[in-house]
């Protein structure tokens, strides 16, 4: 009977190792994609800010300075 319990224990150990490895891979993937999304969001925000700055400077020049 001890052979069956040992096999079940080994299967459980491998299942746990596979599960924790999967969690590690998922963590690395999510960290990488989060970092890329933060970079893209900041790039988009900076582009919008430059556009709005140009837009409002032209509005100011056309209406206030005349």
PDB file of N, CA and C in Angstrom:
ATOM      1  N   UNK A   1       0.806  -1.207   0.000  1.00  0.00           N
ATOM      2  CA  UNK A   1       0.000   0.000   0.000  1.00  0.00           C
ATOM      3  C   UNK A   1       0.846   1.267   0.000  1.00  0.00           C
ATOM      4  N   UNK A   2       2.055   1.190   0.542  1.00  0.00           N
ATOM      5  CA  UNK A   2       2.867   2.393   0.610  1.00  0.00           C
ATOM      6  C   UNK A   2       3.279   2.866  -0.779  1.00  0.00           C
ATOM      7  N   UNK A   3       3.366   1.953  -1.765  1.00  0.00           N
ATOM      8  CA  UNK A   3       3.711   2.346  -3.135  1.00  0.00           C
ATOM      9  C   UNK A   3       2.638   3.209  -3.768  1.00  0.00           C
ATOM     10  N   UNK A   4       1.386   2.919  -3.483  1.00  0.00           N
ATOM     11  CA  UNK A   4       0.287   3.708  -4.052  1.00  0.00           C
ATOM     12  C   UNK A   4       0.279   5.105  -3.446  1.00  0.00           C
ATOM     13  N   UNK A   5       0.487   5.210  -2.150  1.00  0.00           N
ATOM     14  CA  UNK A   5       0.521   6.514  -1.489  1.00  0.00           C
ATOM     15  C   UNK A   5       1.698   7.340  -1.964  1.00  0.00           C
ATOM     16  N   UNK A   6       2.821   6.684  -2.207  1.00  0.00           N
ATOM     17  CA  UNK A   6       3.991   7.393  -2.710  1.00  0.00           C
ATOM     18  C   UNK A   6       3.762   7.932  -4.108  1.00  0.00           C
ATOM     19  N   UNK A   7       3.084   7.164  -4.959  1.00  0.00           N
ATOM     20  CA  UNK A   7       2.791   7.615  -6.322  1.00  0.00           C
ATOM     21  C   UNK A   7       1.823   8.792  -6.293  1.00  0.00           C
ATOM     22  N   UNK A   8       0.834   8.708  -5.428  1.00  0.00           N
ATOM     23  CA  UNK A   8      -0.127   9.800  -5.320  1.00  0.00           C
ATOM     24  C   UNK A   8       0.562  11.059  -4.806  1.00  0.00           C
ATOM     25  N   UNK A   9       1.498  10.890  -3.887  1.00  0.00           N
ATOM     26  CA  UNK A   9       2.226  12.031  -3.356  1.00  0.00           C
ATOM     27  C   UNK A   9       3.069  12.681  -4.447  1.00  0.00           C
ATOM     28  N   UNK A  10       3.707  11.830  -5.273  1.00  0.00           N
ATOM     29  CA  UNK A  10       4.512  12.374  -6.373  1.00  0.00           C
ATOM     30  C   UNK A  10       3.643  13.095  -7.396  1.00  0.00           C
ATOM     31  N   UNK A  11       2.481  12.548  -7.679  1.00  0.00           N
ATOM     32  CA  UNK A  11       1.565  13.215  -8.623  1.00  0.00           C
ATOM     33  C   UNK A  11       1.125  14.558  -8.046  1.00  0.00           C
ATOM     34  N   UNK A  12       0.818  14.579  -6.763  1.00  0.00           N
ATOM     35  CA  UNK A  12       0.437  15.830  -6.115  1.00  0.00           C
ATOM     36  C   UNK A  12       1.564  16.844  -6.139  1.00  0.00           C
ATOM     37  N   UNK A  13       2.790  16.371  -5.919  1.00  0.00           N
ATOM     38  CA  UNK A  13       3.942  17.280  -5.960  1.00  0.00           C
ATOM     39  C   UNK A  13       4.111  17.880  -7.351  1.00  0.00           C
ATOM     40  N   UNK A  14       3.987  17.048  -8.382  1.00  0.00           N
ATOM     41  CA  UNK A  14       4.130  17.559  -9.750  1.00  0.00           C
ATOM     42  C   UNK A  14       2.993  18.507 -10.112  1.00  0.00           C
ATOM     43  N   UNK A  15       1.789  18.196  -9.632  1.00  0.00           N
ATOM     44  CA  UNK A  15       0.658  19.087  -9.899  1.00  0.00           C
ATOM     45  C   UNK A  15       0.877  20.445  -9.244  1.00  0.00           C
ATOM     46  N   UNK A  16       1.385  20.437  -8.023  1.00  0.00           N
ATOM     47  CA  UNK A  16       1.661  21.692  -7.327  1.00  0.00           C
ATOM     48  C   UNK A  16       2.768  22.472  -8.035  1.00  0.00           C
ATOM     49  N   UNK A  17       3.813  21.776  -8.457  1.00  0.00           N
ATOM     50  CA  UNK A  17       4.906  22.449  -9.166  1.00  0.00           C
ATOM     51  C   UNK A  17       4.417  23.035 -10.490  1.00  0.00           C
ATOM     52  N   UNK A  18       3.589  22.314 -11.205  1.00  0.00           N
ATOM     53  CA  UNK A  18       3.055  22.827 -12.465  1.00  0.00           C
ATOM     54  C   UNK A  18       2.159  24.040 -12.226  1.00  0.00           C
ATOM     55  N   UNK A  19       1.357  23.966 -11.184  1.00  0.00           N
ATOM     56  CA  UNK A  19       0.471  25.089 -10.848  1.00  0.00           C
ATOM     57  C   UNK A  19       1.270  26.332 -10.480  1.00  0.00           C
ATOM     58  N   UNK A  20       2.278  26.176  -9.623  1.00  0.00           N
ATOM     59  CA  UNK A  20       3.072  27.340  -9.215  1.00  0.00           C
ATOM     60  C   UNK A  20       3.901  27.872 -10.375  1.00  0.00           C
ATOM     61  N   UNK A  21       4.376  26.986 -11.262  1.00  0.00           N
ATOM     62  CA  UNK A  21       5.093  27.459 -12.451  1.00  0.00           C
ATOM     63  C   UNK A  21       4.152  28.271 -13.339  1.00  0.00           C
ATOM     64  N   UNK A  22       2.920  27.811 -13.482  1.00  0.00           N
ATOM     65  CA  UNK A  22       1.924  28.550 -14.261  1.00  0.00           C
ATOM     66  C   UNK A  22       1.641  29.918 -13.663  1.00  0.00           C
ATOM     67  N   UNK A  23       1.567  29.976 -12.345  1.00  0.00           N
ATOM     68  CA  UNK A  23       1.371  31.281 -11.693  1.00  0.00           C
ATOM     69  C   UNK A  23       2.559  32.206 -11.939  1.00  0.00           C
ATOM     70  N   UNK A  24       3.751  31.644 -11.922  1.00  0.00           N
ATOM     71  CA  UNK A  24       4.939  32.455 -12.190  1.00  0.00           C
ATOM     72  C   UNK A  24       4.941  33.005 -13.607  1.00  0.00           C
ATOM     73  N   UNK A  25       4.609  32.163 -14.573  1.00  0.00           N
ATOM     74  CA  UNK A  25       4.554  32.609 -15.967  1.00  0.00           C
ATOM     75  C   UNK A  25       3.475  33.669 -16.141  1.00  0.00           C
ATOM     76  N   UNK A  26       2.318  33.453 -15.533  1.00  0.00           N
ATOM     77  CA  UNK A  26       1.230  34.431 -15.632  1.00  0.00           C
ATOM     78  C   UNK A  26       1.637  35.759 -15.005  1.00  0.00           C
ATOM     79  N   UNK A  27       2.351  35.717 -13.891  1.00  0.00           N
ATOM     80  CA  UNK A  27       2.806  36.948 -13.238  1.00  0.00           C
ATOM     81  C   UNK A  27       3.774  37.712 -14.126  1.00  0.00           C
ATOM     82  N   UNK A  28       4.712  37.002 -14.735  1.00  0.00           N
ATOM     83  CA  UNK A  28       5.675  37.659 -15.622  1.00  0.00           C
ATOM     84  C   UNK A  28       4.963  38.261 -16.835  1.00  0.00           C
ATOM     85  N   UNK A  29       4.026  37.516 -17.412  1.00  0.00           N
ATOM     86  CA  UNK A  29       3.279  38.006 -18.568  1.00  0.00           C
ATOM     87  C   UNK A  29       2.473  39.260 -18.217  1.00  0.00           C
ATOM     88  N   UNK A  30       1.764  39.210 -17.102  1.00  0.00           N
ATOM     89  CA  UNK A  30       0.936  40.354 -16.710  1.00  0.00           C
ATOM     90  C   UNK A  30       1.790  41.568 -16.367  1.00  0.00           C
ATOM     91  N   UNK A  31       2.937  41.351 -15.740  1.00  0.00           N
ATOM     92  CA  UNK A  31       3.838  42.463 -15.437  1.00  0.00           C
ATOM     93  C   UNK A  31       4.340  43.108 -16.724  1.00  0.00           C
ATOM     94  N   UNK A  32       4.721  42.290 -17.686  1.00  0.00           N
ATOM     95  CA  UNK A  32       5.229  42.823 -18.958  1.00  0.00           C
ATOM     96  C   UNK A  32       4.142  43.585 -19.708  1.00  0.00           C
ATOM     97  N   UNK A  33       2.950  43.013 -19.811  1.00  0.00           N
ATOM     98  CA  UNK A  33       1.889  43.691 -20.552  1.00  0.00           C
ATOM     99  C   UNK A  33       1.433  44.953 -19.827  1.00  0.00           C
ATOM    100  N   UNK A  34       1.435  44.941 -18.497  1.00  0.00           N
ATOM    101  CA  UNK A  34       1.082  46.145 -17.749  1.00  0.00           C
ATOM    102  C   UNK A  34       2.084  47.256 -18.027  1.00  0.00           C
ATOM    103  N   UNK A  35       3.369  46.897 -18.031  1.00  0.00           N
ATOM    104  CA  UNK A  35       4.404  47.900 -18.291  1.00  0.00           C
ATOM    105  C   UNK A  35       4.254  48.496 -19.695  1.00  0.00           C
ATOM    106  N   UNK A  36       3.976  47.652 -20.679  1.00  0.00           N
ATOM    107  CA  UNK A  36       3.783  48.132 -22.044  1.00  0.00           C
ATOM    108  C   UNK A  36       2.574  49.050 -22.111  1.00  0.00           C
ATOM    109  N   UNK A  37       1.494  48.693 -21.436  1.00  0.00           N
ATOM    110  CA  UNK A  37       0.285  49.523 -21.460  1.00  0.00           C
ATOM    111  C   UNK A  37       0.503  50.856 -20.754  1.00  0.00           C
ATOM    112  N   UNK A  38       1.264  50.871 -19.678  1.00  0.00           N
ATOM    113  CA  UNK A  38       1.575  52.138 -19.008  1.00  0.00           C
ATOM    114  C   UNK A  38       2.378  53.028 -19.944  1.00  0.00           C
ATOM    115  N   UNK A  39       3.376  52.452 -20.623  1.00  0.00           N
ATOM    116  CA  UNK A  39       4.187  53.225 -21.571  1.00  0.00           C
ATOM    117  C   UNK A  39       3.316  53.797 -22.687  1.00  0.00           C
ATOM    118  N   UNK A  40       2.432  52.961 -23.252  1.00  0.00           N
ATOM    119  CA  UNK A  40       1.557  53.439 -24.327  1.00  0.00           C
ATOM    120  C   UNK A  40       0.609  54.531 -23.827  1.00  0.00           C
ATOM    121  N   UNK A  41       0.098  54.361 -22.623  1.00  0.00           N
ATOM    122  CA  UNK A  41      -0.810  55.363 -22.073  1.00  0.00           C
ATOM    123  C   UNK A  41      -0.122  56.689 -21.841  1.00  0.00           C
ATOM    124  N   UNK A  42       1.090  56.640 -21.320  1.00  0.00           N
ATOM    125  CA  UNK A  42       1.839  57.888 -21.106  1.00  0.00           C
ATOM    126  C   UNK A  42       2.201  58.549 -22.423  1.00  0.00           C
ATOM    127  N   UNK A  43       2.563  57.738 -23.418  1.00  0.00           N
ATOM    128  CA  UNK A  43       2.874  58.290 -24.744  1.00  0.00           C
ATOM    129  C   UNK A  43       1.643  58.967 -25.342  1.00  0.00           C
ATOM    130  N   UNK A  44       0.494  58.301 -25.220  1.00  0.00           N
ATOM    131  CA  UNK A  44      -0.745  58.874 -25.743  1.00  0.00           C
ATOM    132  C   UNK A  44      -1.073  60.180 -25.019  1.00  0.00           C
ATOM    133  N   UNK A  45      -0.931  60.169 -23.714  1.00  0.00           N
ATOM    134  CA  UNK A  45      -1.253  61.355 -22.925  1.00  0.00           C
ATOM    135  C   UNK A  45      -0.348  62.524 -23.316  1.00  0.00           C
ATOM    136  N   UNK A  46       0.936  62.245 -23.469  1.00  0.00           N
ATOM    137  CA  UNK A  46       1.857  63.316 -23.856  1.00  0.00           C
ATOM    138  C   UNK A  46       1.527  63.852 -25.245  1.00  0.00           C
ATOM    139  N   UNK A  47       1.156  62.979 -26.168  1.00  0.00           N
ATOM    140  CA  UNK A  47       0.780  63.423 -27.512  1.00  0.00           C
ATOM    141  C   UNK A  47      -0.475  64.292 -27.455  1.00  0.00           C
ATOM    142  N   UNK A  48      -1.434  63.912 -26.637  1.00  0.00           N
ATOM    143  CA  UNK A  48      -2.658  64.709 -26.502  1.00  0.00           C
ATOM    144  C   UNK A  48      -2.342  66.065 -25.888  1.00  0.00           C
ATOM    145  N   UNK A  49      -1.463  66.086 -24.912  1.00  0.00           N
ATOM    146  CA  UNK A  49      -1.108  67.342 -24.254  1.00  0.00           C
ATOM    147  C   UNK A  49      -0.436  68.294 -25.235  1.00  0.00           C
ATOM    148  N   UNK A  50       0.468  67.767 -26.087  1.00  0.00           N
ATOM    149  CA  UNK A  50       1.125  68.611 -27.081  1.00  0.00           C
ATOM    150  C   UNK A  50       0.115  69.147 -28.081  1.00  0.00           C
ATOM    151  N   UNK A  51      -0.829  68.307 -28.507  1.00  0.00           N
ATOM    152  CA  UNK A  51      -1.848  68.743 -29.458  1.00  0.00           C
ATOM    153  C   UNK A  51      -2.702  69.856 -28.842  1.00  0.00           C
ATOM    154  N   UNK A  52      -3.129  69.652 -27.621  1.00  0.00           N
ATOM    155  CA  UNK A  52      -3.982  70.657 -26.974  1.00  0.00           C
ATOM    156  C   UNK A  52      -3.217  71.948 -26.742  1.00  0.00           C
ATOM    157  N   UNK A  53      -1.948  71.856 -26.428  1.00  0.00           N
ATOM    158  CA  UNK A  53      -1.136  73.051 -26.221  1.00  0.00           C
ATOM    159  C   UNK A  53      -1.033  73.842 -27.530  1.00  0.00           C
ATOM    160  N   UNK A  54      -0.796  73.127 -28.643  1.00  0.00           N
ATOM    161  CA  UNK A  54      -0.752  73.801 -29.941  1.00  0.00           C
ATOM    162  C   UNK A  54      -2.106  74.398 -30.298  1.00  0.00           C
ATOM    163  N   UNK A  55      -3.169  73.634 -30.060  1.00  0.00           N
ATOM    164  CA  UNK A  55      -4.515  74.101 -30.381  1.00  0.00           C
ATOM    165  C   UNK A  55      -4.845  75.377 -29.619  1.00  0.00           C
ATOM    166  N   UNK A  56      -4.621  75.379 -28.318  1.00  0.00           N
ATOM    167  CA  UNK A  56      -4.990  76.542 -27.522  1.00  0.00           C
ATOM    168  C   UNK A  56      -4.080  77.732 -27.783  1.00  0.00           C
ATOM    169  N   UNK A  57      -2.830  77.497 -28.157  1.00  0.00           N
ATOM    170  CA  UNK A  57      -1.969  78.628 -28.493  1.00  0.00           C
ATOM    171  C   UNK A  57      -2.446  79.285 -29.778  1.00  0.00           C
ATOM    172  N   UNK A  58      -2.930  78.494 -30.745  1.00  0.00           N
ATOM    173  CA  UNK A  58      -3.464  79.070 -31.989  1.00  0.00           C
ATOM    174  C   UNK A  58      -4.779  79.805 -31.723  1.00  0.00           C
ATOM    175  N   UNK A  59      -5.633  79.256 -30.870  1.00  0.00           N
ATOM    176  CA  UNK A  59      -6.886  79.927 -30.516  1.00  0.00           C
ATOM    177  C   UNK A  59      -6.569  81.257 -29.834  1.00  0.00           C
ATOM    178  N   UNK A  60      -5.632  81.247 -28.943  1.00  0.00           N
ATOM    179  CA  UNK A  60      -5.242  82.465 -28.233  1.00  0.00           C
ATOM    180  C   UNK A  60      -4.697  83.493 -29.212  1.00  0.00           C
ATOM    181  N   UNK A  61      -3.825  83.058 -30.098  1.00  0.00           N
ATOM    182  CA  UNK A  61      -3.232  83.982 -31.071  1.00  0.00           C
ATOM    183  C   UNK A  61      -4.283  84.574 -31.990  1.00  0.00           C
ATOM    184  N   UNK A  62      -5.270  83.790 -32.412  1.00  0.00           N
ATOM    185  CA  UNK A  62      -6.273  84.263 -33.365  1.00  0.00           C
ATOM    186  C   UNK A  62      -7.315  85.159 -32.735  1.00  0.00           C
ATOM    187  N   UNK A  63      -7.696  84.926 -31.508  1.00  0.00           N
ATOM    188  CA  UNK A  63      -8.816  85.667 -30.942  1.00  0.00           C
ATOM    189  C   UNK A  63      -8.411  86.723 -29.925  1.00  0.00           C
ATOM    190  N   UNK A  64      -7.391  86.490 -29.176  1.00  0.00           N
ATOM    191  CA  UNK A  64      -7.040  87.427 -28.118  1.00  0.00           C
ATOM    192  C   UNK A  64      -6.040  88.466 -28.605  1.00  0.00           C
ATOM    193  N   UNK A  65      -5.136  88.061 -29.442  1.00  0.00           N
ATOM    194  CA  UNK A  65      -4.060  88.964 -29.840  1.00  0.00           C
ATOM    195  C   UNK A  65      -4.434  89.860 -31.003  1.00  0.00           C
ATOM    196  N   UNK A  66      -5.642  89.777 -31.511  1.00  0.00           N
ATOM    197  CA  UNK A  66      -6.027  90.635 -32.640  1.00  0.00           C
ATOM    198  C   UNK A  66      -6.730  91.874 -32.184  1.00  0.00           C
TER     199      UNK A  66
END
